[in-house]
């Protein structure tokens, strides 16, 4: 089993802000990031304390989205710099982790 130090980054945004496809294109085509996952939240709130939620009565187009990706620390730092220079992303966190795999990342 191979191990490698990676950086994981999370971008918190909303569906209605039309940043998902742009971010995916940058991460996949330009930065060649190893792994990306999109997580749709069922409820959440941010700095302005406004709750965004889904219910059977209201179909919100502003549900929380998390764009999570990982790769070598230098590649993730560069990708974050590219994303923040081109998109209005306000909430990004990152941390180091260990990737375990049968093949190198």
N, C-alpha and C. Protein backbone atom coordinates (compact mmCIF):
# COMPACT_ATOMS: atom_id res chain seq x y z
N UNK A 1 0.85 -1.18 0.00
CA UNK A 1 0.00 0.00 0.00
C UNK A 1 0.90 1.24 0.00
N UNK A 2 0.65 2.14 -0.92
CA UNK A 2 1.41 3.39 -1.02
C UNK A 2 0.72 4.48 -0.21
N UNK A 3 1.50 5.37 0.37
CA UNK A 3 0.96 6.54 1.05
C UNK A 3 1.61 7.79 0.48
N UNK A 4 0.86 8.86 0.53
CA UNK A 4 1.37 10.13 0.01
C UNK A 4 0.69 11.26 0.76
N UNK A 5 1.43 12.31 1.07
CA UNK A 5 0.85 13.50 1.68
C UNK A 5 0.14 14.30 0.61
N UNK A 6 -1.11 14.65 0.87
CA UNK A 6 -1.92 15.45 -0.05
C UNK A 6 -2.52 16.61 0.72
N UNK A 7 -3.04 17.57 -0.02
CA UNK A 7 -3.84 18.64 0.56
C UNK A 7 -5.26 18.47 0.05
N UNK A 8 -6.21 18.56 0.98
CA UNK A 8 -7.63 18.53 0.63
C UNK A 8 -8.15 19.95 0.76
N UNK A 9 -8.93 20.39 -0.21
CA UNK A 9 -9.53 21.73 -0.16
C UNK A 9 -11.03 21.59 -0.32
N UNK A 10 -11.75 22.47 0.37
CA UNK A 10 -13.21 22.55 0.25
C UNK A 10 -13.60 23.99 -0.07
N UNK A 11 -14.45 24.10 -1.06
CA UNK A 11 -15.02 25.40 -1.42
C UNK A 11 -16.50 25.34 -1.09
N UNK A 12 -16.95 26.28 -0.29
CA UNK A 12 -18.37 26.36 0.07
C UNK A 12 -19.02 27.44 -0.79
N UNK A 13 -20.08 27.05 -1.51
CA UNK A 13 -20.78 27.98 -2.38
C UNK A 13 -22.25 27.58 -2.43
N UNK A 14 -23.02 28.24 -3.29
CA UNK A 14 -24.44 27.93 -3.46
C UNK A 14 -24.71 27.54 -4.90
N UNK A 15 -25.73 26.72 -5.11
CA UNK A 15 -26.09 26.28 -6.46
C UNK A 15 -26.36 27.45 -7.40
N UNK A 16 -27.12 28.42 -6.95
CA UNK A 16 -27.55 29.51 -7.81
C UNK A 16 -26.45 30.47 -8.23
N UNK A 17 -25.25 30.31 -7.73
CA UNK A 17 -24.18 31.25 -8.05
C UNK A 17 -23.43 30.88 -9.32
N UNK A 18 -23.82 29.80 -10.00
CA UNK A 18 -23.29 29.42 -11.31
C UNK A 18 -21.76 29.33 -11.34
N UNK A 19 -21.18 28.82 -10.27
CA UNK A 19 -19.73 28.70 -10.23
C UNK A 19 -19.26 27.25 -10.35
N UNK A 20 -20.19 26.32 -10.23
CA UNK A 20 -19.82 24.91 -10.22
C UNK A 20 -19.14 24.48 -11.52
N UNK A 21 -19.77 24.72 -12.66
CA UNK A 21 -19.20 24.28 -13.93
C UNK A 21 -17.88 24.97 -14.23
N UNK A 22 -17.78 26.25 -13.91
CA UNK A 22 -16.53 26.97 -14.14
C UNK A 22 -15.41 26.39 -13.27
N UNK A 23 -15.72 26.13 -12.00
CA UNK A 23 -14.72 25.56 -11.10
C UNK A 23 -14.30 24.17 -11.57
N UNK A 24 -15.26 23.35 -11.98
CA UNK A 24 -14.92 22.01 -12.46
C UNK A 24 -14.04 22.06 -13.70
N UNK A 25 -14.35 22.96 -14.62
CA UNK A 25 -13.53 23.10 -15.82
C UNK A 25 -12.09 23.48 -15.47
N UNK A 26 -11.94 24.43 -14.55
CA UNK A 26 -10.60 24.86 -14.14
C UNK A 26 -9.85 23.70 -13.47
N UNK A 27 -10.51 23.01 -12.55
CA UNK A 27 -9.85 21.93 -11.81
C UNK A 27 -9.50 20.75 -12.73
N UNK A 28 -10.39 20.42 -13.66
CA UNK A 28 -10.15 19.28 -14.54
C UNK A 28 -9.21 19.62 -15.69
N UNK A 29 -9.52 20.67 -16.43
CA UNK A 29 -8.83 20.95 -17.68
C UNK A 29 -7.54 21.75 -17.52
N UNK A 30 -7.55 22.71 -16.62
CA UNK A 30 -6.37 23.58 -16.49
C UNK A 30 -5.41 23.09 -15.41
N UNK A 31 -5.93 22.78 -14.24
CA UNK A 31 -5.06 22.42 -13.12
C UNK A 31 -4.78 20.92 -13.02
N UNK A 32 -5.55 20.11 -13.74
CA UNK A 32 -5.35 18.65 -13.77
C UNK A 32 -5.33 18.04 -12.37
N UNK A 33 -6.28 18.46 -11.55
CA UNK A 33 -6.39 17.98 -10.17
C UNK A 33 -6.78 16.50 -10.17
N UNK A 34 -6.21 15.74 -9.25
CA UNK A 34 -6.38 14.29 -9.22
C UNK A 34 -7.82 13.87 -8.92
N UNK A 35 -8.44 14.44 -7.90
CA UNK A 35 -9.79 14.01 -7.50
C UNK A 35 -10.66 15.17 -7.08
N UNK A 36 -11.92 15.18 -7.56
CA UNK A 36 -12.88 16.23 -7.22
C UNK A 36 -14.22 15.56 -6.92
N UNK A 37 -14.89 16.02 -5.88
CA UNK A 37 -16.23 15.55 -5.55
C UNK A 37 -17.10 16.76 -5.24
N UNK A 38 -18.34 16.73 -5.72
CA UNK A 38 -19.30 17.78 -5.42
C UNK A 38 -20.32 17.22 -4.45
N UNK A 39 -20.55 17.93 -3.37
CA UNK A 39 -21.51 17.51 -2.35
C UNK A 39 -22.61 18.57 -2.27
N UNK A 40 -23.86 18.13 -2.39
CA UNK A 40 -25.00 19.06 -2.28
C UNK A 40 -25.58 18.94 -0.87
N UNK A 41 -25.63 20.05 -0.18
CA UNK A 41 -26.21 20.07 1.15
C UNK A 41 -27.72 20.15 1.10
N UNK A 42 -28.37 19.66 2.14
CA UNK A 42 -29.82 19.79 2.22
C UNK A 42 -30.22 21.02 3.01
N UNK A 43 -29.27 21.57 3.75
CA UNK A 43 -29.52 22.81 4.50
C UNK A 43 -28.18 23.39 4.93
N UNK A 44 -28.17 24.70 5.14
CA UNK A 44 -26.96 25.35 5.62
C UNK A 44 -27.14 26.84 5.68
N UNK A 45 -26.21 27.51 6.35
CA UNK A 45 -26.19 28.96 6.37
C UNK A 45 -24.76 29.42 6.42
N UNK A 46 -24.55 30.65 6.02
CA UNK A 46 -23.21 31.20 5.98
C UNK A 46 -23.11 32.45 6.83
N UNK A 47 -22.19 33.31 6.43
CA UNK A 47 -21.86 34.51 7.19
C UNK A 47 -23.07 35.41 7.44
N UNK A 48 -23.97 35.50 6.46
CA UNK A 48 -25.13 36.39 6.63
C UNK A 48 -26.25 35.74 7.43
N UNK A 49 -26.06 34.50 7.87
CA UNK A 49 -26.98 33.76 8.73
C UNK A 49 -28.30 33.39 8.05
N UNK A 50 -28.41 33.60 6.73
CA UNK A 50 -29.62 33.22 5.99
C UNK A 50 -29.59 31.71 5.75
N UNK A 51 -30.66 31.03 6.17
CA UNK A 51 -30.73 29.59 6.03
C UNK A 51 -31.19 29.23 4.62
N UNK A 52 -30.45 28.35 3.98
CA UNK A 52 -30.80 27.82 2.67
C UNK A 52 -31.16 26.35 2.90
N UNK A 53 -32.37 25.98 2.51
CA UNK A 53 -32.84 24.63 2.78
C UNK A 53 -33.70 24.12 1.64
N UNK A 54 -33.86 22.81 1.60
CA UNK A 54 -34.77 22.20 0.63
C UNK A 54 -35.97 21.67 1.40
N UNK A 55 -37.10 21.76 0.78
CA UNK A 55 -38.31 21.18 1.36
C UNK A 55 -39.22 20.76 0.23
N UNK A 56 -40.24 20.02 0.56
CA UNK A 56 -41.19 19.60 -0.46
C UNK A 56 -42.00 20.77 -0.99
N UNK A 57 -42.16 21.81 -0.20
CA UNK A 57 -42.97 22.96 -0.60
C UNK A 57 -42.21 23.97 -1.43
N UNK A 58 -40.92 24.12 -1.17
CA UNK A 58 -40.13 25.09 -1.92
C UNK A 58 -38.91 24.40 -2.52
N UNK A 59 -38.75 24.52 -3.79
CA UNK A 59 -37.58 23.96 -4.47
C UNK A 59 -36.57 25.07 -4.64
N UNK A 60 -35.65 25.15 -3.73
CA UNK A 60 -34.65 26.21 -3.74
C UNK A 60 -33.56 25.92 -4.76
N UNK A 61 -33.14 26.95 -5.49
CA UNK A 61 -31.99 26.81 -6.38
C UNK A 61 -30.73 27.35 -5.72
N UNK A 62 -30.80 27.58 -4.44
CA UNK A 62 -29.64 28.09 -3.72
C UNK A 62 -29.27 27.18 -2.56
N UNK A 63 -29.24 25.89 -2.83
CA UNK A 63 -28.80 24.95 -1.80
C UNK A 63 -27.29 25.02 -1.69
N UNK A 64 -26.78 24.70 -0.50
CA UNK A 64 -25.32 24.71 -0.32
C UNK A 64 -24.64 23.65 -1.18
N UNK A 65 -23.50 24.02 -1.74
CA UNK A 65 -22.65 23.09 -2.48
C UNK A 65 -21.26 23.11 -1.87
N UNK A 66 -20.64 21.95 -1.82
CA UNK A 66 -19.23 21.85 -1.42
C UNK A 66 -18.48 21.24 -2.60
N UNK A 67 -17.48 21.94 -3.06
CA UNK A 67 -16.58 21.41 -4.08
C UNK A 67 -15.32 20.98 -3.33
N UNK A 68 -15.09 19.69 -3.27
CA UNK A 68 -13.95 19.17 -2.52
C UNK A 68 -12.97 18.53 -3.50
N UNK A 69 -11.69 18.85 -3.33
CA UNK A 69 -10.68 18.26 -4.21
C UNK A 69 -9.39 18.04 -3.46
N UNK A 70 -8.55 17.15 -4.02
CA UNK A 70 -7.26 16.88 -3.39
C UNK A 70 -6.22 16.56 -4.43
N UNK A 71 -4.98 16.80 -4.04
CA UNK A 71 -3.83 16.48 -4.89
C UNK A 71 -2.58 16.82 -4.08
N UNK A 72 -1.45 16.85 -4.76
CA UNK A 72 -0.20 17.26 -4.11
C UNK A 72 -0.37 18.68 -3.58
N UNK A 73 0.25 19.00 -2.44
CA UNK A 73 0.06 20.32 -1.83
C UNK A 73 0.32 21.50 -2.77
N UNK A 74 1.36 21.42 -3.60
CA UNK A 74 1.68 22.52 -4.50
C UNK A 74 0.59 22.71 -5.57
N UNK A 75 0.06 21.60 -6.07
CA UNK A 75 -0.99 21.68 -7.09
C UNK A 75 -2.28 22.27 -6.51
N UNK A 76 -2.61 21.89 -5.29
CA UNK A 76 -3.83 22.42 -4.66
C UNK A 76 -3.67 23.91 -4.39
N UNK A 77 -2.50 24.33 -3.90
CA UNK A 77 -2.27 25.76 -3.65
C UNK A 77 -2.40 26.56 -4.94
N UNK A 78 -1.85 26.04 -6.03
CA UNK A 78 -1.95 26.73 -7.32
C UNK A 78 -3.40 26.76 -7.80
N UNK A 79 -4.12 25.67 -7.64
CA UNK A 79 -5.52 25.61 -8.06
C UNK A 79 -6.37 26.61 -7.28
N UNK A 80 -6.14 26.72 -5.98
CA UNK A 80 -6.89 27.69 -5.16
C UNK A 80 -6.60 29.10 -5.65
N UNK A 81 -5.34 29.39 -5.93
CA UNK A 81 -4.98 30.72 -6.43
C UNK A 81 -5.68 31.02 -7.76
N UNK A 82 -5.70 30.05 -8.67
CA UNK A 82 -6.37 30.23 -9.95
C UNK A 82 -7.87 30.44 -9.76
N UNK A 83 -8.49 29.59 -8.95
CA UNK A 83 -9.93 29.69 -8.72
C UNK A 83 -10.32 31.03 -8.11
N UNK A 84 -9.58 31.46 -7.10
CA UNK A 84 -9.95 32.72 -6.42
C UNK A 84 -9.67 33.94 -7.28
N UNK A 85 -8.74 33.83 -8.23
CA UNK A 85 -8.48 34.97 -9.10
C UNK A 85 -9.55 35.11 -10.19
N UNK A 86 -10.25 34.03 -10.50
CA UNK A 86 -11.21 34.06 -11.60
C UNK A 86 -12.68 33.93 -11.18
N UNK A 87 -12.92 33.44 -9.99
CA UNK A 87 -14.30 33.25 -9.52
C UNK A 87 -14.47 33.96 -8.18
N UNK A 88 -15.69 34.34 -7.88
CA UNK A 88 -15.99 35.01 -6.62
C UNK A 88 -16.23 33.97 -5.53
N UNK A 89 -15.14 33.39 -5.04
CA UNK A 89 -15.22 32.35 -4.01
C UNK A 89 -14.78 32.94 -2.69
N UNK A 90 -15.65 32.84 -1.69
CA UNK A 90 -15.36 33.50 -0.42
C UNK A 90 -15.01 32.54 0.71
N UNK A 91 -15.40 31.29 0.58
CA UNK A 91 -15.23 30.36 1.70
C UNK A 91 -14.49 29.11 1.23
N UNK A 92 -13.18 29.09 1.50
CA UNK A 92 -12.33 27.97 1.12
C UNK A 92 -11.52 27.55 2.34
N UNK A 93 -11.48 26.26 2.59
CA UNK A 93 -10.61 25.75 3.65
C UNK A 93 -9.75 24.63 3.06
N UNK A 94 -8.62 24.35 3.69
CA UNK A 94 -7.78 23.25 3.23
C UNK A 94 -7.01 22.68 4.41
N UNK A 95 -6.59 21.43 4.25
CA UNK A 95 -5.82 20.76 5.28
C UNK A 95 -5.02 19.62 4.65
N UNK A 96 -3.97 19.23 5.35
CA UNK A 96 -3.15 18.12 4.86
C UNK A 96 -3.73 16.79 5.33
N UNK A 97 -3.53 15.77 4.50
CA UNK A 97 -4.01 14.43 4.82
C UNK A 97 -3.05 13.43 4.20
N UNK A 98 -3.27 12.17 4.51
CA UNK A 98 -2.49 11.10 3.93
C UNK A 98 -3.40 10.29 3.00
N UNK A 99 -2.98 10.12 1.76
CA UNK A 99 -3.73 9.31 0.80
C UNK A 99 -3.14 7.90 0.82
N UNK A 100 -4.00 6.91 0.92
CA UNK A 100 -3.61 5.51 0.88
C UNK A 100 -4.17 4.90 -0.39
N UNK A 101 -3.32 4.26 -1.17
CA UNK A 101 -3.80 3.64 -2.40
C UNK A 101 -2.88 2.52 -2.84
N UNK A 102 -3.39 1.72 -3.77
CA UNK A 102 -2.58 0.66 -4.37
C UNK A 102 -1.70 1.20 -5.48
N UNK A 103 -2.01 2.46 -5.92
CA UNK A 103 -1.18 3.11 -6.94
C UNK A 103 -0.85 4.52 -6.46
N UNK A 104 0.17 5.11 -7.02
CA UNK A 104 0.58 6.45 -6.63
C UNK A 104 -0.47 7.47 -7.09
N UNK A 105 -0.65 8.53 -6.31
CA UNK A 105 -1.59 9.59 -6.65
C UNK A 105 -1.05 10.37 -7.82
